[in-house]
Amino acid sequence: MSNRVARAISIVVLGAVLATWAAPRAASAASLAEVTSFGRNPSGLRMFLYVPDTVKPHPAVLVAVHFCTGSGPVFFSGTEFASLANQHGFIVIYPSATRSGSCFDVSTPQALTHNGNSDPVGIVSMVQYVLQNFGADASRVFVTGASSGGMTTNVLLGDYPDVFKAGAAFMGVPFGCFATTDGSLWNTTCANGQSIKTPQQWGDLVRAAFPGFAGTRPRMQLWHGTDDTTLRFPNFGEEVKQWTNVLGLTQTPAFTDHPQSTWTRVRYGGTGVDAPVEAISIQGVGHSLPTAGMAAMAIQFFGLDRDPGGDLTPPTAPTNLLASNISSSGAVLRWNASTDNVGVTGYRIFVQSGGTATQIGTSTGTTFTVTGLAASTTYVFFVRAVDAAGNASAGSTAVAVTTAGPGGGGGTPTIQITNDWGNGYCAVLLVANNTPAPITWQVTVTVEGTITNLWNGVYTQTGSSVTVSGVDWNAVLQPGQSTNSVGFCAAR
């Protein structure tokens, strides 16, 4: 099969898949308008512009780039970017490719060069038109796109790091991956996820597009479905390699979480929404992004959901993080409250493993119960505070927790607080024998504060570590038996 025939088939399949997610856009009095004269446009693109009824002073600009067989109006009506512009007062440009197949050029040497003679030049002319005619903010210009538009997002960030502040690429490929020399705009090797390079090699392709650029490189958010058979999933990992290298980051994640059960979000170079690189993979999904809610996360990554002149002050870090009630499968974390100029709205709890921090939960108070831990295992936890503007504090000092063993001669301990008055508390120590033989139990637990009184047992305390054993009448536990006869009070 010839490259030209393969490309034609691929474009038809790509367009058919993507057309399935188009959904009606929320009604608005503002409408999409075409601009017919906007400056240099060597490849004959069409420009469609959406200006909400209410635009913020010096508004941000978002370029939203369609997929093959699509158009600016189709992308306008089938995605959530226009409704988000209504909410947040930014302007959206919807370019339209006019060549056969309606794909954007991400392949020719001209497209992969700063101020080359192809589609990126026309798109940047559209941006300049909006900056000049609408008083828009040149420091807040962003680009997003799906499939061919996702690839174009990669290309625009490489060609014009002086224009774009950040990008969000849905189902894209790395800058330069789709390069061709035969006049075709389709690269089967890249589409199949078979173009594998080192981070340095990928980064060098970006740097070569604009060799004289010495400024700050744009941030990048990446999206891909694991079951994508059009632009296969390995491209996602290659994009991560490329943009972490371009931004001078390691490949070690700084943060991992799951915004939805099948979404895995990994951040590089930072743990907050302003991380330099954010990569979200969607388990079990093919070539059909973005779906509901994803555009809003792109807008959040760009910071377009926040007032640039608003609150930028993060809360203070939580202090005095302690762990208590440590059992074989859980623990209770407690910390001192953070302060903030407008108010703390909650806390994010993380577990640290090597260089990776994974958020495991949130709390609106200053305690959090951790469950589902493995026995006889050490975990490291820390906490961040968050304010109403989404600013996150630095992490608290970490606390290491070693869970109790699964049973054996020591028994399985659990602490249950029965009375807490702030600077002190009382608790019951539960000890269970989960073995098939009788045990004379002795357990070591971590407590908060200093024990002032313990009954029905014998103890020694060193710091927060307390070793407890039974007395003559409760020291032996039969298989399956437990005792709740031991209790204590402690001062904080």
Protein backbone atom coordinates (compact mmCIF):
# COMPACT_ATOMS: atom_id res chain seq x y z
CA MET A 1 0.00 0.00 0.00
CA SER A 2 1.38 3.42 -0.91
CA ASN A 3 2.03 6.08 1.73
CA ARG A 4 -0.58 8.34 0.09
CA VAL A 5 -3.30 5.64 0.23
CA ALA A 6 -2.38 4.70 3.80
CA ARG A 7 -2.57 8.33 4.83
CA ALA A 8 -5.98 8.77 3.23
CA ILE A 9 -7.34 5.69 5.02
CA SER A 10 -5.84 6.81 8.33
CA ILE A 11 -7.39 10.27 8.05
CA VAL A 12 -10.83 8.84 7.33
CA VAL A 13 -10.61 6.45 10.31
CA LEU A 14 -9.30 9.22 12.56
CA GLY A 15 -12.10 11.56 11.62
CA ALA A 16 -14.76 8.89 12.06
CA VAL A 17 -13.54 8.04 15.56
CA LEU A 18 -13.29 11.65 16.68
CA ALA A 19 -16.70 12.63 15.29
CA THR A 20 -18.35 10.32 17.85
CA TRP A 21 -17.51 12.55 20.83
CA ALA A 22 -18.86 15.83 19.42
CA ALA A 23 -21.55 17.12 21.78
CA PRO A 24 -23.77 20.20 21.72
CA ARG A 25 -22.25 23.29 23.33
CA ALA A 26 -24.13 25.30 25.93
CA ALA A 27 -26.13 28.13 24.38
CA SER A 28 -24.72 31.66 24.51
CA ALA A 29 -25.62 35.00 22.98
CA ALA A 30 -22.04 35.26 21.71
CA SER A 31 -21.33 33.40 18.49
CA LEU A 32 -18.44 32.09 16.44
CA ALA A 33 -17.29 34.53 13.76
CA GLU A 34 -14.87 34.10 10.88
CA VAL A 35 -12.02 36.58 10.42
CA THR A 36 -10.96 36.65 6.76
CA SER A 37 -7.92 38.90 6.92
CA PHE A 38 -5.55 38.41 9.83
CA GLY A 39 -2.02 38.61 8.44
CA ARG A 40 0.54 36.26 6.97
CA ASN A 41 -1.11 32.93 6.12
CA PRO A 42 1.07 30.88 3.73
CA SER A 43 -1.03 27.69 3.88
CA GLY A 44 -4.48 29.27 3.51
CA LEU A 45 -5.90 28.48 6.95
CA ARG A 46 -9.27 29.89 7.98
CA MET A 47 -9.66 31.73 11.28
CA PHE A 48 -12.74 31.46 13.49
CA LEU A 49 -12.98 33.55 16.63
CA TYR A 50 -15.11 33.24 19.76
CA VAL A 51 -15.33 36.30 22.01
CA PRO A 52 -17.65 35.77 25.00
CA ASP A 53 -20.24 38.39 25.92
CA THR A 54 -18.22 39.16 29.05
CA VAL A 55 -14.46 39.31 28.54
CA LYS A 56 -11.99 40.13 31.28
CA PRO A 57 -9.78 43.19 30.87
CA HIS A 58 -6.65 42.22 28.90
CA PRO A 59 -8.04 38.72 28.34
CA ALA A 60 -6.05 35.56 27.87
CA VAL A 61 -6.09 33.87 24.45
CA LEU A 62 -6.61 30.15 23.81
CA VAL A 63 -5.95 28.54 20.42
CA ALA A 64 -8.08 25.37 20.06
CA VAL A 65 -6.98 23.16 17.15
CA HIS A 66 -9.20 20.54 15.53
CA PHE A 67 -8.57 16.94 14.41
CA CYS A 68 -8.22 15.63 10.83
CA THR A 69 -11.51 15.84 8.87
CA GLY A 70 -12.68 18.44 11.41
CA SER A 71 -12.91 22.21 11.30
CA GLY A 72 -12.85 25.18 13.61
CA PRO A 73 -16.66 25.31 13.85
CA VAL A 74 -16.84 21.56 14.57
CA PHE A 75 -14.28 21.87 17.36
CA PHE A 76 -16.15 24.91 18.67
CA SER A 77 -19.46 23.05 18.90
CA GLY A 78 -18.05 19.68 20.00
CA THR A 79 -15.83 20.71 22.91
CA GLU A 80 -16.24 22.57 26.18
CA PHE A 81 -13.69 25.34 25.55
CA ALA A 82 -16.26 27.96 24.48
CA SER A 83 -18.45 27.38 27.55
CA LEU A 84 -15.35 27.64 29.72
CA ALA A 85 -14.50 30.90 27.96
CA ASN A 86 -17.96 32.14 28.94
CA GLN A 87 -17.19 31.30 32.58
CA HIS A 88 -13.67 32.71 32.72
CA GLY A 89 -13.66 35.54 30.18
CA PHE A 90 -10.92 34.50 27.74
CA ILE A 91 -10.96 34.54 23.92
CA VAL A 92 -10.75 31.37 21.82
CA ILE A 93 -9.28 31.07 18.31
CA TYR A 94 -10.39 28.07 16.25
CA PRO A 95 -8.14 27.60 13.19
CA SER A 96 -9.41 25.51 10.26
CA ALA A 97 -7.14 23.52 7.96
CA THR A 98 -8.22 23.72 4.31
CA ARG A 99 -6.10 21.05 2.60
CA SER A 100 -7.57 17.68 1.61
CA GLY A 101 -8.29 15.66 4.76
CA SER A 102 -8.28 18.83 6.88
CA CYS A 103 -5.15 17.82 8.79
CA PHE A 104 -2.63 20.38 10.02
CA ASP A 105 0.93 20.25 8.78
CA VAL A 106 3.14 18.80 11.53
CA SER A 107 5.47 17.00 9.14
CA THR A 108 7.28 19.27 6.69
CA PRO A 109 10.56 21.04 7.47
CA GLN A 110 8.68 24.35 7.13
CA ALA A 111 6.17 23.33 9.83
CA LEU A 112 8.96 22.31 12.18
CA THR A 113 10.85 25.60 11.95
CA HIS A 114 10.30 28.93 13.68
CA ASN A 115 8.86 31.32 11.10
CA GLY A 116 8.73 28.58 8.48
CA ASN A 117 6.30 28.75 5.60
CA SER A 118 3.41 26.57 6.83
CA ASP A 119 0.47 26.28 9.25
CA PRO A 120 2.23 27.46 12.45
CA VAL A 121 2.88 30.84 10.81
CA GLY A 122 -0.81 31.34 10.03
CA ILE A 123 -1.86 30.34 13.55
CA VAL A 124 0.58 32.78 15.11
CA SER A 125 -0.80 35.49 12.80
CA MET A 126 -4.23 34.76 14.26
CA VAL A 127 -2.83 35.21 17.77
CA GLN A 128 -1.20 38.50 16.82
CA TYR A 129 -4.46 39.71 15.30
CA VAL A 130 -6.29 39.10 18.59
CA LEU A 131 -3.54 40.70 20.66
CA GLN A 132 -3.64 43.82 18.50
CA ASN A 133 -7.41 44.15 18.10
CA PHE A 134 -8.77 43.02 21.47
CA GLY A 135 -6.15 44.28 23.93
CA ALA A 136 -5.38 40.70 24.92
CA ASP A 137 -2.55 39.73 27.25
CA ALA A 138 0.51 38.53 25.30
CA SER A 139 1.85 36.83 28.45
CA ARG A 140 -1.20 34.54 28.60
CA VAL A 141 -1.48 32.83 25.22
CA PHE A 142 -2.18 29.08 25.29
CA VAL A 143 -2.85 26.29 22.81
CA THR A 144 -4.73 23.01 22.96
CA GLY A 145 -5.89 20.48 20.40
CA ALA A 146 -6.94 16.90 19.72
CA SER A 147 -5.21 14.37 17.46
CA SER A 148 -3.89 16.48 14.55
CA GLY A 149 -4.56 19.42 16.87
CA GLY A 150 -2.66 17.68 19.68
CA MET A 151 0.28 17.19 17.35
CA THR A 152 0.00 20.85 16.34
CA THR A 153 0.10 21.80 20.01
CA ASN A 154 3.47 20.06 20.31
CA VAL A 155 4.68 21.80 17.15
CA LEU A 156 3.56 25.28 18.18
CA LEU A 157 5.27 24.99 21.57
CA GLY A 158 8.46 23.96 19.81
CA ASP A 159 8.31 26.55 17.04
CA TYR A 160 7.04 29.49 19.10
CA PRO A 161 8.13 29.30 22.75
CA ASP A 162 8.15 33.10 22.61
CA VAL A 163 4.39 33.19 21.88
CA PHE A 164 2.81 30.37 23.90
CA LYS A 165 2.86 30.15 27.67
CA ALA A 166 1.64 26.53 27.85
CA GLY A 167 -0.06 23.81 25.86
CA ALA A 168 -2.45 20.90 26.46
CA ALA A 169 -2.10 18.15 23.85
CA PHE A 170 -4.84 15.53 23.59
CA MET A 171 -3.74 12.38 21.73
CA GLY A 172 -0.65 13.99 20.24
CA VAL A 173 2.87 12.87 19.37
CA PRO A 174 6.23 14.48 20.18
CA PHE A 175 7.49 17.47 18.22
CA GLY A 176 9.24 16.13 15.12
CA CYS A 177 7.85 12.60 15.43
CA PHE A 178 5.61 13.01 12.37
CA ALA A 179 8.37 14.51 10.22
CA THR A 180 8.44 13.31 6.60
CA THR A 181 10.64 13.99 3.60
CA ASP A 182 8.46 12.48 0.83
CA GLY A 183 5.79 15.17 0.68
CA SER A 184 3.36 13.09 2.70
CA LEU A 185 1.91 14.45 5.93
CA TRP A 186 1.48 10.99 7.48
CA ASN A 187 4.19 9.08 9.36
CA THR A 188 3.12 5.49 10.00
CA THR A 189 6.12 4.66 12.20
CA CYS A 190 5.28 7.51 14.54
CA ALA A 191 1.53 6.85 14.47
CA ASN A 192 2.18 3.24 15.51
CA GLY A 193 4.28 4.35 18.48
CA GLN A 194 7.49 2.98 17.02
CA SER A 195 9.55 6.20 17.05
CA ILE A 196 11.57 5.77 20.22
CA LYS A 197 14.32 8.22 21.19
CA THR A 198 16.18 9.31 24.29
CA PRO A 199 14.93 12.37 26.17
CA GLN A 200 17.97 14.29 24.93
CA GLN A 201 17.27 13.38 21.29
CA TRP A 202 13.65 14.45 21.57
CA GLY A 203 14.64 17.65 23.34
CA ASP A 204 17.23 18.46 20.68
CA LEU A 205 14.51 18.36 18.00
CA VAL A 206 12.58 21.06 19.86
CA ARG A 207 15.64 23.20 20.48
CA ALA A 208 16.63 22.97 16.80
CA ALA A 209 13.31 24.51 15.72
CA PHE A 210 14.29 27.88 17.19
CA PRO A 211 18.05 27.78 17.87
CA GLY A 212 18.28 31.39 19.00
CA PHE A 213 15.65 31.14 21.70
CA ALA A 214 17.00 31.61 25.24
CA GLY A 215 13.83 32.45 27.18
CA THR A 216 11.50 30.42 29.39
CA ARG A 217 10.04 27.38 27.68
CA PRO A 218 6.27 26.78 27.82
CA ARG A 219 4.70 24.24 30.17
CA MET A 220 2.99 21.17 28.74
CA GLN A 221 -0.02 19.06 29.71
CA LEU A 222 -0.35 15.70 27.91
CA TRP A 223 -3.40 13.42 27.53
CA HIS A 224 -3.67 9.96 25.95
CA GLY A 225 -5.90 6.88 26.07
CA THR A 226 -4.13 3.58 26.68
CA ASP A 227 -6.18 1.83 23.96
CA ASP A 228 -5.55 4.41 21.21
CA THR A 229 -4.99 2.53 17.95
CA THR A 230 -4.72 5.63 15.72
CA LEU A 231 -1.84 7.43 17.45
CA ARG A 232 -0.71 4.66 19.73
CA PHE A 233 -0.08 5.02 23.44
CA PRO A 234 3.75 4.75 23.37
CA ASN A 235 3.70 8.28 21.90
CA PHE A 236 2.50 9.51 25.30
CA GLY A 237 5.67 8.31 27.01
CA GLU A 238 7.83 9.79 24.26
CA GLU A 239 6.10 13.16 24.72
CA VAL A 240 6.85 12.99 28.45
CA LYS A 241 10.49 12.29 27.67
CA GLN A 242 10.64 15.22 25.27
CA TRP A 243 9.06 17.92 27.39
CA THR A 244 10.72 16.96 30.66
CA ASN A 245 14.03 17.24 28.81
CA VAL A 246 13.12 20.56 27.19
CA LEU A 247 12.16 21.96 30.60
CA GLY A 248 15.27 20.61 32.30
CA LEU A 249 13.44 18.07 34.49
CA THR A 250 14.17 14.52 35.51
CA GLN A 251 11.93 11.62 34.53
CA THR A 252 11.09 11.05 38.20
CA PRO A 253 7.47 11.95 39.01
CA ALA A 254 6.95 14.54 41.72
CA PHE A 255 3.27 13.74 42.21
CA THR A 256 0.79 11.03 41.19
CA ASP A 257 -2.95 10.85 41.73
CA HIS A 258 -6.20 9.65 40.14
CA PRO A 259 -8.70 12.47 39.40
CA GLN A 260 -11.08 9.72 38.28
CA SER A 261 -10.81 5.97 38.79
CA THR A 262 -9.42 5.31 35.29
CA TRP A 263 -7.31 8.48 35.06
CA THR A 264 -3.70 8.55 36.22
CA ARG A 265 -2.18 12.01 36.54
CA VAL A 266 1.59 12.37 36.95
CA ARG A 267 3.34 15.70 37.50
CA TYR A 268 7.00 16.40 36.84
CA GLY A 269 9.00 19.25 38.34
CA GLY A 270 6.27 20.24 40.82
CA THR A 271 3.38 18.81 42.81
CA GLY A 272 0.75 21.50 42.21
CA VAL A 273 -1.43 22.56 39.31
CA ASP A 274 1.40 24.80 38.07
CA ALA A 275 3.82 21.87 37.56
CA PRO A 276 5.95 22.29 34.40
CA VAL A 277 4.78 18.97 32.91
CA GLU A 278 1.53 17.15 33.68
CA ALA A 279 0.69 13.84 32.00
CA ILE A 280 -2.73 12.17 32.25
CA SER A 281 -3.32 8.67 30.87
CA ILE A 282 -6.86 7.30 30.54
CA GLN A 283 -7.18 3.55 31.06
CA GLY A 284 -9.19 1.63 28.47
CA VAL A 285 -9.97 4.62 26.21
CA GLY A 286 -9.12 4.92 22.52
CA HIS A 287 -8.80 7.86 20.14
CA SER A 288 -11.70 9.88 21.55
CA LEU A 289 -10.37 12.68 23.74
CA PRO A 290 -11.24 15.13 25.18
CA THR A 291 -14.27 13.85 27.04
CA ALA A 292 -16.34 15.68 29.65
CA GLY A 293 -14.29 17.43 32.31
CA MET A 294 -10.96 17.22 30.53
CA ALA A 295 -11.14 20.69 28.99
CA ALA A 296 -11.73 22.14 32.46
CA MET A 297 -8.55 20.46 33.69
CA ALA A 298 -6.64 21.98 30.77
CA ILE A 299 -8.03 25.41 31.66
CA GLN A 300 -6.98 24.85 35.27
CA PHE A 301 -3.46 23.87 34.12
CA PHE A 302 -3.29 27.13 32.17
CA GLY A 303 -4.50 29.10 35.18
CA LEU A 304 -7.42 30.51 33.21
CA ASP A 305 -9.84 29.61 36.00
CA ARG A 306 -8.06 32.02 38.33
CA ASP A 307 -7.70 35.79 38.38
CA PRO A 308 -4.06 36.53 37.52
CA GLY A 309 -4.22 39.54 39.81
CA GLY A 310 -5.90 37.59 42.62
CA ASP A 311 -4.60 35.66 45.59
CA LEU A 312 -1.23 34.11 44.83
CA THR A 313 -0.11 33.60 48.44
CA PRO A 314 0.00 29.96 49.56
CA PRO A 315 -0.84 28.89 53.10
CA THR A 316 1.88 28.14 55.62
CA ALA A 317 2.97 24.52 55.79
CA PRO A 318 1.24 22.31 58.38
CA THR A 319 3.41 21.69 61.44
CA ASN A 320 3.93 19.00 64.07
CA LEU A 321 2.70 16.10 61.93
CA LEU A 322 2.37 13.03 64.16
CA ALA A 323 1.08 9.49 63.75
CA SER A 324 -0.84 7.56 66.37
CA ASN A 325 -3.17 4.54 66.62
CA ILE A 326 -0.72 2.59 64.46
CA SER A 327 -1.89 -0.92 63.69
CA SER A 328 -0.90 -3.56 61.17
CA SER A 329 -3.08 -1.90 58.51
CA GLY A 330 -3.51 1.75 59.39
CA ALA A 331 -2.70 4.85 61.43
CA VAL A 332 -4.14 8.21 62.41
CA LEU A 333 -2.28 11.33 61.25
CA ARG A 334 -2.65 14.59 63.16
CA TRP A 335 -1.09 18.01 62.55
CA ASN A 336 -1.28 21.65 63.57
CA ALA A 337 -3.42 23.91 61.37
CA SER A 338 -1.92 26.12 58.66
CA THR A 339 -2.64 29.82 58.29
CA ASP A 340 -3.48 31.76 55.13
CA ASN A 341 -4.27 35.34 54.16
CA VAL A 342 -7.79 34.40 52.99
CA GLY A 343 -8.31 31.07 54.74
CA VAL A 344 -7.34 27.42 54.47
CA THR A 345 -10.00 25.25 52.82
CA GLY A 346 -8.42 21.83 53.32
CA TYR A 347 -5.41 19.58 53.37
CA ARG A 348 -3.94 17.04 50.97
CA ILE A 349 -2.31 13.94 52.43
CA PHE A 350 0.58 12.27 50.60
CA VAL A 351 2.63 9.11 50.91
CA GLN A 352 6.25 9.41 49.79
CA SER A 353 8.08 6.56 48.07
CA GLY A 354 11.56 7.38 46.83
CA GLY A 355 11.22 10.54 44.78
CA THR A 356 7.48 10.10 44.15
CA ALA A 357 4.72 11.62 46.27
CA THR A 358 1.22 10.20 45.78
CA GLN A 359 -1.86 11.91 47.16
CA ILE A 360 -3.92 9.42 49.17
CA GLY A 361 -6.69 11.64 50.46
CA THR A 362 -7.94 15.01 51.63
CA SER A 363 -9.21 16.42 54.90
CA THR A 364 -11.03 19.58 55.87
CA GLY A 365 -9.73 19.20 59.45
CA THR A 366 -6.37 18.42 61.01
CA THR A 367 -6.65 14.63 61.25
CA PHE A 368 -6.73 11.84 58.69
CA THR A 369 -7.15 8.08 59.12
CA VAL A 370 -4.92 6.04 56.84
CA THR A 371 -6.16 2.54 56.00
CA GLY A 372 -5.15 -0.33 53.74
CA LEU A 373 -1.49 -0.43 54.75
CA ALA A 374 0.64 -3.58 54.68
CA ALA A 375 1.82 -5.08 57.96
CA SER A 376 5.45 -4.71 59.08
CA THR A 377 6.05 -1.97 56.49
CA THR A 378 7.45 1.56 56.81
CA TYR A 379 5.57 4.44 55.16
CA VAL A 380 6.45 8.13 54.96
CA PHE A 381 3.62 10.68 55.01
CA PHE A 382 3.40 14.46 54.65
CA VAL A 383 0.60 17.03 54.34
CA ARG A 384 -0.01 20.20 52.31
CA ALA A 385 -2.57 22.93 53.01
CA VAL A 386 -4.75 24.42 50.24
CA ASP A 387 -6.57 27.76 50.16
CA ALA A 388 -9.67 28.93 48.30
CA ALA A 389 -7.63 30.13 45.32
CA GLY A 390 -6.06 26.71 44.86
CA ASN A 391 -2.66 27.73 46.23
CA ALA A 392 -0.91 24.81 47.93
CA SER A 393 1.56 25.13 50.78
CA ALA A 394 4.94 23.55 51.04
CA GLY A 395 4.87 20.07 52.50
CA SER A 396 4.90 19.52 56.22
CA THR A 397 7.84 17.78 57.83
CA ALA A 398 7.40 14.10 56.97
CA VAL A 399 6.55 11.42 59.52
CA ALA A 400 7.63 7.79 59.15
CA VAL A 401 5.19 5.10 60.25
CA THR A 402 6.07 1.43 60.65
CA THR A 403 2.99 -0.74 60.81
CA ALA A 404 2.70 -3.54 63.33
CA GLY A 405 3.31 -7.14 62.39
CA PRO A 406 0.44 -9.37 61.30
CA GLY A 407 0.33 -11.28 64.59
CA GLY A 408 2.86 -13.81 65.84
CA GLY A 409 4.16 -13.55 69.38
CA GLY A 410 3.46 -9.84 69.48
CA GLY A 411 -0.25 -9.83 68.68
CA THR A 412 -1.98 -7.23 66.53
CA PRO A 413 -2.47 -3.89 68.33
CA THR A 414 -5.06 -1.18 67.65
CA ILE A 415 -5.46 2.04 69.61
CA GLN A 416 -8.92 3.54 69.98
CA ILE A 417 -9.18 7.02 71.51
CA THR A 418 -12.12 7.19 73.92
CA ASN A 419 -11.78 10.75 75.20
CA ASP A 420 -9.86 13.70 73.72
CA TRP A 421 -9.67 17.13 75.33
CA GLY A 422 -7.01 18.75 73.12
CA ASN A 423 -3.92 18.73 75.33
CA GLY A 424 -4.54 15.17 76.42
CA TYR A 425 -6.57 12.04 75.74
CA CYS A 426 -7.41 8.54 76.97
CA ALA A 427 -7.48 5.42 74.84
CA VAL A 428 -8.03 1.67 74.86
CA LEU A 429 -5.33 -0.66 73.53
CA LEU A 430 -6.85 -3.62 71.71
CA VAL A 431 -4.59 -6.66 71.20
CA ALA A 432 -5.69 -9.61 69.04
CA ASN A 433 -4.13 -13.05 68.54
CA ASN A 434 -4.48 -13.86 64.85
CA THR A 435 -2.26 -16.96 65.01
CA PRO A 436 -3.26 -20.64 65.38
CA ALA A 437 -1.43 -20.95 68.72
CA PRO A 438 -1.63 -19.25 72.12
CA ILE A 439 0.67 -16.24 72.62
CA THR A 440 2.07 -14.29 75.53
CA TRP A 441 1.67 -10.93 74.00
CA GLN A 442 3.91 -7.90 73.86
CA VAL A 443 3.33 -5.09 71.38
CA THR A 444 5.09 -1.87 70.40
CA VAL A 445 2.92 1.04 69.33
CA THR A 446 3.42 4.69 68.49
CA VAL A 447 1.51 7.12 70.66
CA GLU A 448 1.11 10.85 70.59
CA GLY A 449 2.38 12.59 73.74
CA THR A 450 3.56 11.12 77.03
CA ILE A 451 1.64 8.41 78.85
CA THR A 452 0.65 9.55 82.33
CA ASN A 453 -1.26 6.45 83.39
CA LEU A 454 -1.68 2.90 82.01
CA TRP A 455 -3.83 0.18 83.55
CA ASN A 456 -3.97 -3.60 83.24
CA GLY A 457 -0.54 -3.77 81.63
CA VAL A 458 3.15 -2.93 81.91
CA TYR A 459 4.84 -0.40 79.64
CA THR A 460 8.03 1.39 78.76
CA GLN A 461 8.13 4.56 76.65
CA THR A 462 10.96 6.03 74.58
CA GLY A 463 9.83 9.12 72.73
CA SER A 464 6.64 8.18 70.89
CA SER A 465 7.43 4.45 70.95
CA VAL A 466 5.67 2.49 73.71
CA THR A 467 6.12 -1.22 74.42
CA VAL A 468 3.25 -2.82 76.34
CA SER A 469 2.80 -6.32 77.76
CA GLY A 470 0.06 -7.93 79.79
CA VAL A 471 -0.15 -8.74 83.49
CA ASP A 472 -0.70 -12.19 84.94
CA TRP A 473 -4.41 -12.48 84.17
CA ASN A 474 -4.45 -11.05 80.57
CA ALA A 475 -0.95 -11.86 79.31
CA VAL A 476 -1.92 -15.01 77.39
CA LEU A 477 -4.29 -14.85 74.42
CA GLN A 478 -5.74 -17.99 72.86
CA PRO A 479 -6.08 -18.26 69.03
CA GLY A 480 -8.67 -15.77 67.84
CA GLN A 481 -8.89 -14.16 71.28
CA SER A 482 -8.40 -10.44 71.93
CA THR A 483 -8.22 -8.20 74.94
CA ASN A 484 -9.50 -4.68 75.41
CA SER A 485 -8.62 -4.53 79.09
CA VAL A 486 -5.56 -2.30 78.68
CA GLY A 487 -6.06 1.44 78.64
CA PHE A 488 -4.03 4.58 79.11
CA CYS A 489 -4.13 8.34 79.29
CA ALA A 490 -1.51 10.64 77.78
CA ALA A 491 -0.62 14.33 77.79
CA ARG A 492 0.21 16.12 74.53
